[in-house]
Amino acid sequence: MLINFEDPAEGTFEIVAETLDELKALAEAEEAKDPPDEYFPTLLREKHSELEAAAAAAAAAAAARQELEQQQQLLRQQQEQQHPKGETDADSAQPENAAEATHSDAPIEVNPKP
């Protein structure tokens, strides 16, 4: 089994798929026994269903993460096109409204009354 370290979800999906196959084989083997075990195959099928649901949720999360990464990369590309590196935009450091520029972080000095 190869694990892609760039995308940990890939390795997880492979492990889940293998586990699902093993559970299914175990359930079938137990049902084939004479007399069949009634509890064990039922338990395996329940766990199989839970794993399938978890795998589907993990796949949806991985797809959402990949889409988010694509959107972020597209946004970065758009920003680079609007503001190429090395270009200084002096206006971006200044507030659009001069009235907003009156704020200062300096402490206000108050002269105490004698």
PDB file of N, CA and C in Angstrom:
ATOM      1  N   MET A   1       0.850  -1.176   0.000  1.00  0.00           N
ATOM      2  CA  MET A   1       0.000   0.000   0.000  1.00  0.00           C
ATOM      3  C   MET A   1       0.893   1.236   0.000  1.00  0.00           C
ATOM      4  N   LEU A   2       0.670   2.137  -0.949  1.00  0.00           N
ATOM      5  CA  LEU A   2       1.415   3.387  -1.018  1.00  0.00           C
ATOM      6  C   LEU A   2       0.631   4.466  -0.299  1.00  0.00           C
ATOM      7  N   ILE A   3       1.353   5.274   0.451  1.00  0.00           N
ATOM      8  CA  ILE A   3       0.711   6.380   1.162  1.00  0.00           C
ATOM      9  C   ILE A   3       1.251   7.674   0.584  1.00  0.00           C
ATOM     10  N   ASN A   4       0.363   8.517   0.130  1.00  0.00           N
ATOM     11  CA  ASN A   4       0.728   9.815  -0.411  1.00  0.00           C
ATOM     12  C   ASN A   4       0.803  10.789   0.758  1.00  0.00           C
ATOM     13  N   PHE A   5       2.024  11.210   1.098  1.00  0.00           N
ATOM     14  CA  PHE A   5       2.194  12.072   2.261  1.00  0.00           C
ATOM     15  C   PHE A   5       1.713  13.493   2.006  1.00  0.00           C
ATOM     16  N   GLU A   6       1.543  13.880   0.734  1.00  0.00           N
ATOM     17  CA  GLU A   6       1.036  15.215   0.449  1.00  0.00           C
ATOM     18  C   GLU A   6      -0.455  15.309   0.778  1.00  0.00           C
ATOM     19  N   ASP A   7      -1.164  14.207   0.604  1.00  0.00           N
ATOM     20  CA  ASP A   7      -2.595  14.194   0.885  1.00  0.00           C
ATOM     21  C   ASP A   7      -2.897  13.014   1.794  1.00  0.00           C
ATOM     22  N   PRO A   8      -2.918  13.247   3.121  1.00  0.00           N
ATOM     23  CA  PRO A   8      -3.135  12.141   4.052  1.00  0.00           C
ATOM     24  C   PRO A   8      -4.471  11.439   3.844  1.00  0.00           C
ATOM     25  N   ALA A   9      -5.428  12.112   3.236  1.00  0.00           N
ATOM     26  CA  ALA A   9      -6.734  11.492   3.013  1.00  0.00           C
ATOM     27  C   ALA A   9      -6.626  10.315   2.054  1.00  0.00           C
ATOM     28  N   GLU A  10      -5.704  10.388   1.086  1.00  0.00           N
ATOM     29  CA  GLU A  10      -5.546   9.301   0.132  1.00  0.00           C
ATOM     30  C   GLU A  10      -5.205   8.000   0.847  1.00  0.00           C
ATOM     31  N   GLY A  11      -4.242   8.021   1.741  1.00  0.00           N
ATOM     32  CA  GLY A  11      -3.865   6.828   2.489  1.00  0.00           C
ATOM     33  C   GLY A  11      -5.000   6.340   3.362  1.00  0.00           C
ATOM     34  N   THR A  12      -5.741   7.273   3.932  1.00  0.00           N
ATOM     35  CA  THR A  12      -6.874   6.919   4.783  1.00  0.00           C
ATOM     36  C   THR A  12      -7.946   6.208   3.972  1.00  0.00           C
ATOM     37  N   PHE A  13      -8.218   6.705   2.763  1.00  0.00           N
ATOM     38  CA  PHE A  13      -9.225   6.072   1.917  1.00  0.00           C
ATOM     39  C   PHE A  13      -8.826   4.642   1.577  1.00  0.00           C
ATOM     40  N   GLU A  14      -7.535   4.427   1.293  1.00  0.00           N
ATOM     41  CA  GLU A  14      -7.063   3.079   0.975  1.00  0.00           C
ATOM     42  C   GLU A  14      -7.234   2.149   2.171  1.00  0.00           C
ATOM     43  N   ILE A  15      -6.889   2.634   3.353  1.00  0.00           N
ATOM     44  CA  ILE A  15      -7.022   1.818   4.567  1.00  0.00           C
ATOM     45  C   ILE A  15      -8.491   1.485   4.821  1.00  0.00           C
ATOM     46  N   VAL A  16      -9.367   2.470   4.669  1.00  0.00           N
ATOM     47  CA  VAL A  16     -10.798   2.240   4.885  1.00  0.00           C
ATOM     48  C   VAL A  16     -11.331   1.234   3.869  1.00  0.00           C
ATOM     49  N   ALA A  17     -10.925   1.370   2.609  1.00  0.00           N
ATOM     50  CA  ALA A  17     -11.390   0.439   1.576  1.00  0.00           C
ATOM     51  C   ALA A  17     -10.941  -0.987   1.888  1.00  0.00           C
ATOM     52  N   GLU A  18      -9.691  -1.137   2.297  1.00  0.00           N
ATOM     53  CA  GLU A  18      -9.190  -2.465   2.655  1.00  0.00           C
ATOM     54  C   GLU A  18      -9.947  -3.024   3.858  1.00  0.00           C
ATOM     55  N   THR A  19     -10.194  -2.186   4.849  1.00  0.00           N
ATOM     56  CA  THR A  19     -10.916  -2.629   6.046  1.00  0.00           C
ATOM     57  C   THR A  19     -12.342  -3.042   5.700  1.00  0.00           C
ATOM     58  N   LEU A  20     -12.989  -2.281   4.826  1.00  0.00           N
ATOM     59  CA  LEU A  20     -14.343  -2.633   4.403  1.00  0.00           C
ATOM     60  C   LEU A  20     -14.360  -3.992   3.712  1.00  0.00           C
ATOM     61  N   ASP A  21     -13.382  -4.220   2.840  1.00  0.00           N
ATOM     62  CA  ASP A  21     -13.295  -5.515   2.157  1.00  0.00           C
ATOM     63  C   ASP A  21     -13.077  -6.651   3.151  1.00  0.00           C
ATOM     64  N   GLU A  22     -12.209  -6.428   4.138  1.00  0.00           N
ATOM     65  CA  GLU A  22     -11.940  -7.458   5.147  1.00  0.00           C
ATOM     66  C   GLU A  22     -13.185  -7.748   5.988  1.00  0.00           C
ATOM     67  N   LEU A  23     -13.908  -6.705   6.372  1.00  0.00           N
ATOM     68  CA  LEU A  23     -15.135  -6.908   7.151  1.00  0.00           C
ATOM     69  C   LEU A  23     -16.177  -7.690   6.357  1.00  0.00           C
ATOM     70  N   LYS A  24     -16.302  -7.355   5.093  1.00  0.00           N
ATOM     71  CA  LYS A  24     -17.266  -8.055   4.249  1.00  0.00           C
ATOM     72  C   LYS A  24     -16.890  -9.530   4.127  1.00  0.00           C
ATOM     73  N   ALA A  25     -15.607  -9.808   3.931  1.00  0.00           N
ATOM     74  CA  ALA A  25     -15.150 -11.195   3.822  1.00  0.00           C
ATOM     75  C   ALA A  25     -15.382 -11.955   5.127  1.00  0.00           C
ATOM     76  N   LEU A  26     -15.126 -11.301   6.262  1.00  0.00           N
ATOM     77  CA  LEU A  26     -15.367 -11.943   7.560  1.00  0.00           C
ATOM     78  C   LEU A  26     -16.845 -12.266   7.758  1.00  0.00           C
ATOM     79  N   ALA A  27     -17.702 -11.330   7.405  1.00  0.00           N
ATOM     80  CA  ALA A  27     -19.142 -11.547   7.563  1.00  0.00           C
ATOM     81  C   ALA A  27     -19.605 -12.702   6.685  1.00  0.00           C
ATOM     82  N   GLU A  28     -19.108 -12.750   5.451  1.00  0.00           N
ATOM     83  CA  GLU A  28     -19.490 -13.841   4.552  1.00  0.00           C
ATOM     84  C   GLU A  28     -18.981 -15.183   5.070  1.00  0.00           C
ATOM     85  N   ALA A  29     -17.764 -15.205   5.620  1.00  0.00           N
ATOM     86  CA  ALA A  29     -17.203 -16.445   6.160  1.00  0.00           C
ATOM     87  C   ALA A  29     -18.015 -16.929   7.360  1.00  0.00           C
ATOM     88  N   GLU A  30     -18.435 -16.005   8.212  1.00  0.00           N
ATOM     89  CA  GLU A  30     -19.227 -16.382   9.383  1.00  0.00           C
ATOM     90  C   GLU A  30     -20.606 -16.898   8.974  1.00  0.00           C
ATOM     91  N   GLU A  31     -21.194 -16.287   7.946  1.00  0.00           N
ATOM     92  CA  GLU A  31     -22.508 -16.738   7.485  1.00  0.00           C
ATOM     93  C   GLU A  31     -22.425 -18.117   6.839  1.00  0.00           C
ATOM     94  N   ALA A  32     -21.275 -18.444   6.258  1.00  0.00           N
ATOM     95  CA  ALA A  32     -21.097 -19.725   5.578  1.00  0.00           C
ATOM     96  C   ALA A  32     -20.897 -20.879   6.557  1.00  0.00           C
ATOM     97  N   LYS A  33     -20.582 -20.579   7.797  1.00  0.00           N
ATOM     98  CA  LYS A  33     -20.372 -21.633   8.803  1.00  0.00           C
ATOM     99  C   LYS A  33     -21.676 -22.384   9.068  1.00  0.00           C
ATOM    100  N   ASP A  34     -21.514 -23.632   9.481  1.00  0.00           N
ATOM    101  CA  ASP A  34     -22.685 -24.438   9.809  1.00  0.00           C
ATOM    102  C   ASP A  34     -22.623 -24.815  11.272  1.00  0.00           C
ATOM    103  N   PRO A  35     -23.415 -24.370  12.148  1.00  0.00           N
ATOM    104  CA  PRO A  35     -24.466 -23.364  12.001  1.00  0.00           C
ATOM    105  C   PRO A  35     -23.859 -21.953  11.979  1.00  0.00           C
ATOM    106  N   PRO A  36     -24.478 -21.063  11.225  1.00  0.00           N
ATOM    107  CA  PRO A  36     -23.936 -19.698  11.148  1.00  0.00           C
ATOM    108  C   PRO A  36     -24.070 -18.961  12.477  1.00  0.00           C
ATOM    109  N   ASP A  37     -23.103 -18.111  12.726  1.00  0.00           N
ATOM    110  CA  ASP A  37     -23.143 -17.250  13.913  1.00  0.00           C
ATOM    111  C   ASP A  37     -24.094 -16.102  13.588  1.00  0.00           C
ATOM    112  N   GLU A  38     -25.098 -15.917  14.390  1.00  0.00           N
ATOM    113  CA  GLU A  38     -26.095 -14.890  14.094  1.00  0.00           C
ATOM    114  C   GLU A  38     -25.655 -13.502  14.534  1.00  0.00           C
ATOM    115  N   TYR A  39     -24.904 -13.425  15.620  1.00  0.00           N
ATOM    116  CA  TYR A  39     -24.531 -12.119  16.166  1.00  0.00           C
ATOM    117  C   TYR A  39     -23.374 -11.486  15.398  1.00  0.00           C
ATOM    118  N   PHE A  40     -22.314 -12.238  15.155  1.00  0.00           N
ATOM    119  CA  PHE A  40     -21.093 -11.686  14.576  1.00  0.00           C
ATOM    120  C   PHE A  40     -21.316 -11.057  13.195  1.00  0.00           C
ATOM    121  N   PRO A  41     -21.978 -11.749  12.242  1.00  0.00           N
ATOM    122  CA  PRO A  41     -22.195 -11.105  10.936  1.00  0.00           C
ATOM    123  C   PRO A  41     -23.019  -9.824  11.032  1.00  0.00           C
ATOM    124  N   THR A  42     -23.988  -9.811  11.943  1.00  0.00           N
ATOM    125  CA  THR A  42     -24.803  -8.603  12.114  1.00  0.00           C
ATOM    126  C   THR A  42     -23.941  -7.454  12.616  1.00  0.00           C
ATOM    127  N   LEU A  43     -23.091  -7.750  13.584  1.00  0.00           N
ATOM    128  CA  LEU A  43     -22.189  -6.728  14.108  1.00  0.00           C
ATOM    129  C   LEU A  43     -21.247  -6.231  13.016  1.00  0.00           C
ATOM    130  N   LEU A  44     -20.710  -7.167  12.222  1.00  0.00           N
ATOM    131  CA  LEU A  44     -19.802  -6.773  11.144  1.00  0.00           C
ATOM    132  C   LEU A  44     -20.509  -5.901  10.114  1.00  0.00           C
ATOM    133  N   ARG A  45     -21.730  -6.246   9.796  1.00  0.00           N
ATOM    134  CA  ARG A  45     -22.467  -5.435   8.814  1.00  0.00           C
ATOM    135  C   ARG A  45     -22.737  -4.029   9.362  1.00  0.00           C
ATOM    136  N   GLU A  46     -23.038  -3.922  10.645  1.00  0.00           N
ATOM    137  CA  GLU A  46     -23.243  -2.600  11.253  1.00  0.00           C
ATOM    138  C   GLU A  46     -21.963  -1.772  11.177  1.00  0.00           C
ATOM    139  N   LYS A  47     -20.845  -2.395  11.537  1.00  0.00           N
ATOM    140  CA  LYS A  47     -19.564  -1.681  11.490  1.00  0.00           C
ATOM    141  C   LYS A  47     -19.207  -1.324  10.055  1.00  0.00           C
ATOM    142  N   HIS A  48     -19.536  -2.226   9.133  1.00  0.00           N
ATOM    143  CA  HIS A  48     -19.286  -1.975   7.715  1.00  0.00           C
ATOM    144  C   HIS A  48     -20.048  -0.732   7.269  1.00  0.00           C
ATOM    145  N   SER A  49     -21.314  -0.643   7.667  1.00  0.00           N
ATOM    146  CA  SER A  49     -22.135   0.524   7.318  1.00  0.00           C
ATOM    147  C   SER A  49     -21.570   1.801   7.928  1.00  0.00           C
ATOM    148  N   GLU A  50     -21.131   1.712   9.179  1.00  0.00           N
ATOM    149  CA  GLU A  50     -20.546   2.881   9.837  1.00  0.00           C
ATOM    150  C   GLU A  50     -19.275   3.330   9.118  1.00  0.00           C
ATOM    151  N   LEU A  51     -18.447   2.365   8.727  1.00  0.00           N
ATOM    152  CA  LEU A  51     -17.217   2.713   8.012  1.00  0.00           C
ATOM    153  C   LEU A  51     -17.519   3.314   6.646  1.00  0.00           C
ATOM    154  N   GLU A  52     -18.522   2.777   5.962  1.00  0.00           N
ATOM    155  CA  GLU A  52     -18.898   3.349   4.666  1.00  0.00           C
ATOM    156  C   GLU A  52     -19.352   4.797   4.827  1.00  0.00           C
ATOM    157  N   ALA A  53     -20.137   5.069   5.859  1.00  0.00           N
ATOM    158  CA  ALA A  53     -20.598   6.441   6.113  1.00  0.00           C
ATOM    159  C   ALA A  53     -19.418   7.349   6.441  1.00  0.00           C
ATOM    160  N   ALA A  54     -18.489   6.845   7.246  1.00  0.00           N
ATOM    161  CA  ALA A  54     -17.303   7.638   7.592  1.00  0.00           C
ATOM    162  C   ALA A  54     -16.449   7.893   6.358  1.00  0.00           C
ATOM    163  N   ALA A  55     -16.325   6.890   5.502  1.00  0.00           N
ATOM    164  CA  ALA A  55     -15.541   7.055   4.276  1.00  0.00           C
ATOM    165  C   ALA A  55     -16.188   8.086   3.357  1.00  0.00           C
ATOM    166  N   ALA A  56     -17.510   8.057   3.263  1.00  0.00           N
ATOM    167  CA  ALA A  56     -18.216   9.037   2.433  1.00  0.00           C
ATOM    168  C   ALA A  56     -18.031  10.446   2.984  1.00  0.00           C
ATOM    169  N   ALA A  57     -18.103  10.586   4.304  1.00  0.00           N
ATOM    170  CA  ALA A  57     -17.896  11.900   4.925  1.00  0.00           C
ATOM    171  C   ALA A  57     -16.465  12.379   4.711  1.00  0.00           C
ATOM    172  N   ALA A  58     -15.502  11.470   4.826  1.00  0.00           N
ATOM    173  CA  ALA A  58     -14.101  11.844   4.613  1.00  0.00           C
ATOM    174  C   ALA A  58     -13.865  12.246   3.164  1.00  0.00           C
ATOM    175  N   ALA A  59     -14.490  11.544   2.234  1.00  0.00           N
ATOM    176  CA  ALA A  59     -14.349  11.890   0.819  1.00  0.00           C
ATOM    177  C   ALA A  59     -14.947  13.269   0.537  1.00  0.00           C
ATOM    178  N   ALA A  60     -16.103  13.546   1.141  1.00  0.00           N
ATOM    179  CA  ALA A  60     -16.732  14.860   0.960  1.00  0.00           C
ATOM    180  C   ALA A  60     -15.862  15.960   1.553  1.00  0.00           C
ATOM    181  N   ALA A  61     -15.274  15.701   2.717  1.00  0.00           N
ATOM    182  CA  ALA A  61     -14.397  16.692   3.348  1.00  0.00           C
ATOM    183  C   ALA A  61     -13.148  16.921   2.507  1.00  0.00           C
ATOM    184  N   ALA A  62     -12.593  15.864   1.949  1.00  0.00           N
ATOM    185  CA  ALA A  62     -11.401  16.005   1.107  1.00  0.00           C
ATOM    186  C   ALA A  62     -11.730  16.792  -0.158  1.00  0.00           C
ATOM    187  N   ALA A  63     -12.889  16.533  -0.738  1.00  0.00           N
ATOM    188  CA  ALA A  63     -13.301  17.266  -1.934  1.00  0.00           C
ATOM    189  C   ALA A  63     -13.514  18.744  -1.613  1.00  0.00           C
ATOM    190  N   ALA A  64     -14.121  19.027  -0.470  1.00  0.00           N
ATOM    191  CA  ALA A  64     -14.341  20.419  -0.063  1.00  0.00           C
ATOM    192  C   ALA A  64     -13.013  21.120   0.191  1.00  0.00           C
ATOM    193  N   ARG A  65     -12.073  20.406   0.826  1.00  0.00           N
ATOM    194  CA  ARG A  65     -10.756  20.985   1.095  1.00  0.00           C
ATOM    195  C   ARG A  65     -10.028  21.279  -0.212  1.00  0.00           C
ATOM    196  N   GLN A  66     -10.120  20.353  -1.167  1.00  0.00           N
ATOM    197  CA  GLN A  66      -9.458  20.555  -2.452  1.00  0.00           C
ATOM    198  C   GLN A  66     -10.073  21.746  -3.186  1.00  0.00           C
ATOM    199  N   GLU A  67     -11.386  21.864  -3.147  1.00  0.00           N
ATOM    200  CA  GLU A  67     -12.050  22.998  -3.792  1.00  0.00           C
ATOM    201  C   GLU A  67     -11.639  24.313  -3.133  1.00  0.00           C
ATOM    202  N   LEU A  68     -11.551  24.322  -1.810  1.00  0.00           N
ATOM    203  CA  LEU A  68     -11.119  25.517  -1.087  1.00  0.00           C
ATOM    204  C   LEU A  68      -9.694  25.900  -1.480  1.00  0.00           C
ATOM    205  N   GLU A  69      -8.811  24.920  -1.573  1.00  0.00           N
ATOM    206  CA  GLU A  69      -7.430  25.198  -1.973  1.00  0.00           C
ATOM    207  C   GLU A  69      -7.376  25.777  -3.380  1.00  0.00           C
ATOM    208  N   GLN A  70      -8.213  25.253  -4.289  1.00  0.00           N
ATOM    209  CA  GLN A  70      -8.254  25.777  -5.653  1.00  0.00           C
ATOM    210  C   GLN A  70      -8.754  27.217  -5.663  1.00  0.00           C
ATOM    211  N   GLN A  71      -9.776  27.500  -4.861  1.00  0.00           N
ATOM    212  CA  GLN A  71     -10.305  28.861  -4.789  1.00  0.00           C
ATOM    213  C   GLN A  71      -9.272  29.821  -4.208  1.00  0.00           C
ATOM    214  N   GLN A  72      -8.530  29.364  -3.185  1.00  0.00           N
ATOM    215  CA  GLN A  72      -7.499  30.205  -2.590  1.00  0.00           C
ATOM    216  C   GLN A  72      -6.386  30.485  -3.595  1.00  0.00           C
ATOM    217  N   GLN A  73      -6.006  29.477  -4.373  1.00  0.00           N
ATOM    218  CA  GLN A  73      -4.955  29.679  -5.368  1.00  0.00           C
ATOM    219  C   GLN A  73      -5.431  30.640  -6.452  1.00  0.00           C
ATOM    220  N   LEU A  74      -6.672  30.504  -6.878  1.00  0.00           N
ATOM    221  CA  LEU A  74      -7.229  31.414  -7.872  1.00  0.00           C
ATOM    222  C   LEU A  74      -7.255  32.841  -7.332  1.00  0.00           C
ATOM    223  N   LEU A  75      -7.638  33.000  -6.071  1.00  0.00           N
ATOM    224  CA  LEU A  75      -7.654  34.323  -5.443  1.00  0.00           C
ATOM    225  C   LEU A  75      -6.249  34.915  -5.400  1.00  0.00           C
ATOM    226  N   ARG A  76      -5.256  34.081  -5.032  1.00  0.00           N
ATOM    227  CA  ARG A  76      -3.867  34.570  -5.014  1.00  0.00           C
ATOM    228  C   ARG A  76      -3.425  35.020  -6.402  1.00  0.00           C
ATOM    229  N   GLN A  77      -3.795  34.254  -7.417  1.00  0.00           N
ATOM    230  CA  GLN A  77      -3.422  34.618  -8.784  1.00  0.00           C
ATOM    231  C   GLN A  77      -4.065  35.937  -9.187  1.00  0.00           C
ATOM    232  N   GLN A  78      -5.328  36.112  -8.825  1.00  0.00           N
ATOM    233  CA  GLN A  78      -6.015  37.358  -9.149  1.00  0.00           C
ATOM    234  C   GLN A  78      -5.367  38.538  -8.431  1.00  0.00           C
ATOM    235  N   GLN A  79      -4.986  38.332  -7.170  1.00  0.00           N
ATOM    236  CA  GLN A  79      -4.345  39.404  -6.413  1.00  0.00           C
ATOM    237  C   GLN A  79      -2.978  39.739  -7.005  1.00  0.00           C
ATOM    238  N   GLU A  80      -2.241  38.737  -7.451  1.00  0.00           N
ATOM    239  CA  GLU A  80      -0.935  38.989  -8.058  1.00  0.00           C
ATOM    240  C   GLU A  80      -1.080  39.738  -9.375  1.00  0.00           C
ATOM    241  N   GLN A  81      -2.153  39.457 -10.117  1.00  0.00           N
ATOM    242  CA  GLN A  81      -2.385  40.172 -11.366  1.00  0.00           C
ATOM    243  C   GLN A  81      -2.742  41.628 -11.095  1.00  0.00           C
ATOM    244  N   GLN A  82      -3.482  41.867 -10.014  1.00  0.00           N
ATOM    245  CA  GLN A  82      -3.871  43.230  -9.675  1.00  0.00           C
ATOM    246  C   GLN A  82      -2.713  44.005  -9.066  1.00  0.00           C
ATOM    247  N   HIS A  83      -1.879  43.334  -8.279  1.00  0.00           N
ATOM    248  CA  HIS A  83      -0.750  43.962  -7.598  1.00  0.00           C
ATOM    249  C   HIS A  83       0.496  43.111  -7.807  1.00  0.00           C
ATOM    250  N   PRO A  84       1.150  43.262  -8.969  1.00  0.00           N
ATOM    251  CA  PRO A  84       2.357  42.454  -9.210  1.00  0.00           C
ATOM    252  C   PRO A  84       3.416  42.714  -8.142  1.00  0.00           C
ATOM    253  N   LYS A  85       4.209  41.690  -7.847  1.00  0.00           N
ATOM    254  CA  LYS A  85       5.258  41.824  -6.831  1.00  0.00           C
ATOM    255  C   LYS A  85       6.265  42.873  -7.275  1.00  0.00           C
ATOM    256  N   GLY A  86       6.796  43.602  -6.305  1.00  0.00           N
ATOM    257  CA  GLY A  86       7.777  44.636  -6.589  1.00  0.00           C
ATOM    258  C   GLY A  86       7.137  45.991  -6.819  1.00  0.00           C
ATOM    259  N   GLU A  87       5.865  46.006  -7.115  1.00  0.00           N
ATOM    260  CA  GLU A  87       5.170  47.273  -7.329  1.00  0.00           C
ATOM    261  C   GLU A  87       4.715  47.798  -5.980  1.00  0.00           C
ATOM    262  N   THR A  88       5.048  49.059  -5.706  1.00  0.00           N
ATOM    263  CA  THR A  88       4.606  49.646  -4.443  1.00  0.00           C
ATOM    264  C   THR A  88       3.362  50.466  -4.711  1.00  0.00           C
ATOM    265  N   ASP A  89       2.431  50.319  -3.863  1.00  0.00           N
ATOM    266  CA  ASP A  89       1.176  51.051  -3.975  1.00  0.00           C
ATOM    267  C   ASP A  89       1.065  51.945  -2.753  1.00  0.00           C
ATOM    268  N   ALA A  90       1.550  53.172  -2.882  1.00  0.00           N
ATOM    269  CA  ALA A  90       1.573  54.097  -1.753  1.00  0.00           C
ATOM    270  C   ALA A  90       0.166  54.395  -1.258  1.00  0.00           C
ATOM    271  N   ASP A  91      -0.794  54.373  -2.160  1.00  0.00           N
ATOM    272  CA  ASP A  91      -2.164  54.674  -1.753  1.00  0.00           C
ATOM    273  C   ASP A  91      -2.754  53.590  -0.859  1.00  0.00           C
ATOM    274  N   SER A  92      -2.278  52.365  -0.984  1.00  0.00           N
ATOM    275  CA  SER A  92      -2.869  51.289  -0.191  1.00  0.00           C
ATOM    276  C   SER A  92      -2.534  51.434   1.283  1.00  0.00           C
ATOM    277  N   ALA A  93      -1.465  52.142   1.619  1.00  0.00           N
ATOM    278  CA  ALA A  93      -1.091  52.334   3.018  1.00  0.00           C
ATOM    279  C   ALA A  93      -1.836  53.507   3.638  1.00  0.00           C
ATOM    280  N   GLN A  94      -2.443  54.360   2.829  1.00  0.00           N
ATOM    281  CA  GLN A  94      -3.138  55.542   3.316  1.00  0.00           C
ATOM    282  C   GLN A  94      -4.638  55.277   3.358  1.00  0.00           C
ATOM    283  N   PRO A  95      -5.310  55.789   4.367  1.00  0.00           N
ATOM    284  CA  PRO A  95      -6.770  55.629   4.408  1.00  0.00           C
ATOM    285  C   PRO A  95      -7.424  56.426   3.289  1.00  0.00           C
ATOM    286  N   GLU A  96      -8.567  55.921   2.823  1.00  0.00           N
ATOM    287  CA  GLU A  96      -9.267  56.613   1.750  1.00  0.00           C
ATOM    288  C   GLU A  96      -9.835  57.942   2.224  1.00  0.00           C
ATOM    289  N   ASN A  97     -10.226  58.018   3.467  1.00  0.00           N
ATOM    290  CA  ASN A  97     -10.826  59.220   4.009  1.00  0.00           C
ATOM    291  C   ASN A  97      -9.810  59.870   4.950  1.00  0.00           C
ATOM    292  N   ALA A  98      -9.459  61.105   4.694  1.00  0.00           N
ATOM    293  CA  ALA A  98      -8.456  61.792   5.508  1.00  0.00           C
ATOM    294  C   ALA A  98      -8.911  61.929   6.959  1.00  0.00           C
ATOM    295  N   ALA A  99     -10.211  61.973   7.203  1.00  0.00           N
ATOM    296  CA  ALA A  99     -10.708  62.094   8.578  1.00  0.00           C
ATOM    297  C   ALA A  99     -10.357  60.856   9.389  1.00  0.00           C
ATOM    298  N   GLU A 100     -10.221  59.721   8.747  1.00  0.00           N
ATOM    299  CA  GLU A 100      -9.857  58.495   9.440  1.00  0.00           C
ATOM    300  C   GLU A 100      -8.390  58.492   9.856  1.00  0.00           C
ATOM    301  N   ALA A 101      -7.599  59.357   9.258  1.00  0.00           N
ATOM    302  CA  ALA A 101      -6.165  59.391   9.533  1.00  0.00           C
ATOM    303  C   ALA A 101      -5.831  60.139  10.812  1.00  0.00           C
ATOM    304  N   THR A 102      -6.813  60.688  11.501  1.00  0.00           N
ATOM    305  CA  THR A 102      -6.530  61.461  12.709  1.00  0.00           C
ATOM    306  C   THR A 102      -6.300  60.589  13.931  1.00  0.00           C
ATOM    307  N   HIS A 103      -6.574  59.323  13.859  1.00  0.00           N
ATOM    308  CA  HIS A 103      -6.389  58.417  15.000  1.00  0.00           C
ATOM    309  C   HIS A 103      -4.904  58.180  15.235  1.00  0.00           C
ATOM    310  N   SER A 104      -4.523  58.183  16.498  1.00  0.00           N
ATOM    311  CA  SER A 104      -3.135  57.930  16.862  1.00  0.00           C
ATOM    312  C   SER A 104      -3.109  56.982  18.043  1.00  0.00           C
ATOM    313  N   ASP A 105      -2.085  56.126  18.079  1.00  0.00           N
ATOM    314  CA  ASP A 105      -1.917  55.217  19.207  1.00  0.00           C
ATOM    315  C   ASP A 105      -1.098  55.860  20.323  1.00  0.00           C
ATOM    316  N   ALA A 106      -0.645  57.085  20.119  1.00  0.00           N
ATOM    317  CA  ALA A 106       0.165  57.764  21.132  1.00  0.00           C
ATOM    318  C   ALA A 106      -0.710  58.098  22.338  1.00  0.00           C
ATOM    319  N   PRO A 107      -0.127  58.029  23.548  1.00  0.00           N
ATOM    320  CA  PRO A 107      -0.926  58.349  24.742  1.00  0.00           C
ATOM    321  C   PRO A 107      -1.307  59.828  24.758  1.00  0.00           C
ATOM    322  N   ILE A 108      -2.448  60.086  25.324  1.00  0.00           N
ATOM    323  CA  ILE A 108      -2.928  61.463  25.440  1.00  0.00           C
ATOM    324  C   ILE A 108      -2.371  62.036  26.732  1.00  0.00           C
ATOM    325  N   GLU A 109      -1.725  63.185  26.598  1.00  0.00           N
ATOM    326  CA  GLU A 109      -1.144  63.818  27.787  1.00  0.00           C
ATOM    327  C   GLU A 109      -2.173  64.754  28.394  1.00  0.00           C
ATOM    328  N   VAL A 110      -2.342  64.635  29.687  1.00  0.00           N
ATOM    329  CA  VAL A 110      -3.281  65.491  30.408  1.00  0.00           C
ATOM    330  C   VAL A 110      -2.479  66.215  31.473  1.00  0.00           C
ATOM    331  N   ASN A 111      -2.572  67.536  31.454  1.00  0.00           N
ATOM    332  CA  ASN A 111      -1.865  68.323  32.467  1.00  0.00           C
ATOM    333  C   ASN A 111      -2.716  68.371  33.723  1.00  0.00           C
ATOM    334  N   PRO A 112      -2.167  67.896  34.843  1.00  0.00           N
ATOM    335  CA  PRO A 112      -2.956  67.951  36.084  1.00  0.00           C
ATOM    336  C   PRO A 112      -3.125  69.400  36.539  1.00  0.00           C
ATOM    337  N   LYS A 113      -4.263  69.702  37.124  1.00  0.00           N
ATOM    338  CA  LYS A 113      -4.524  71.054  37.626  1.00  0.00           C
ATOM    339  C   LYS A 113      -3.806  71.211  38.953  1.00  0.00           C
ATOM    340  N   PRO A 114      -3.133  72.370  39.168  1.00  0.00           N
ATOM    341  CA  PRO A 114      -2.421  72.588  40.444  1.00  0.00           C
ATOM    342  C   PRO A 114      -3.326  72.843  41.602  1.00  0.00           C
TER     343      PRO A 114
END
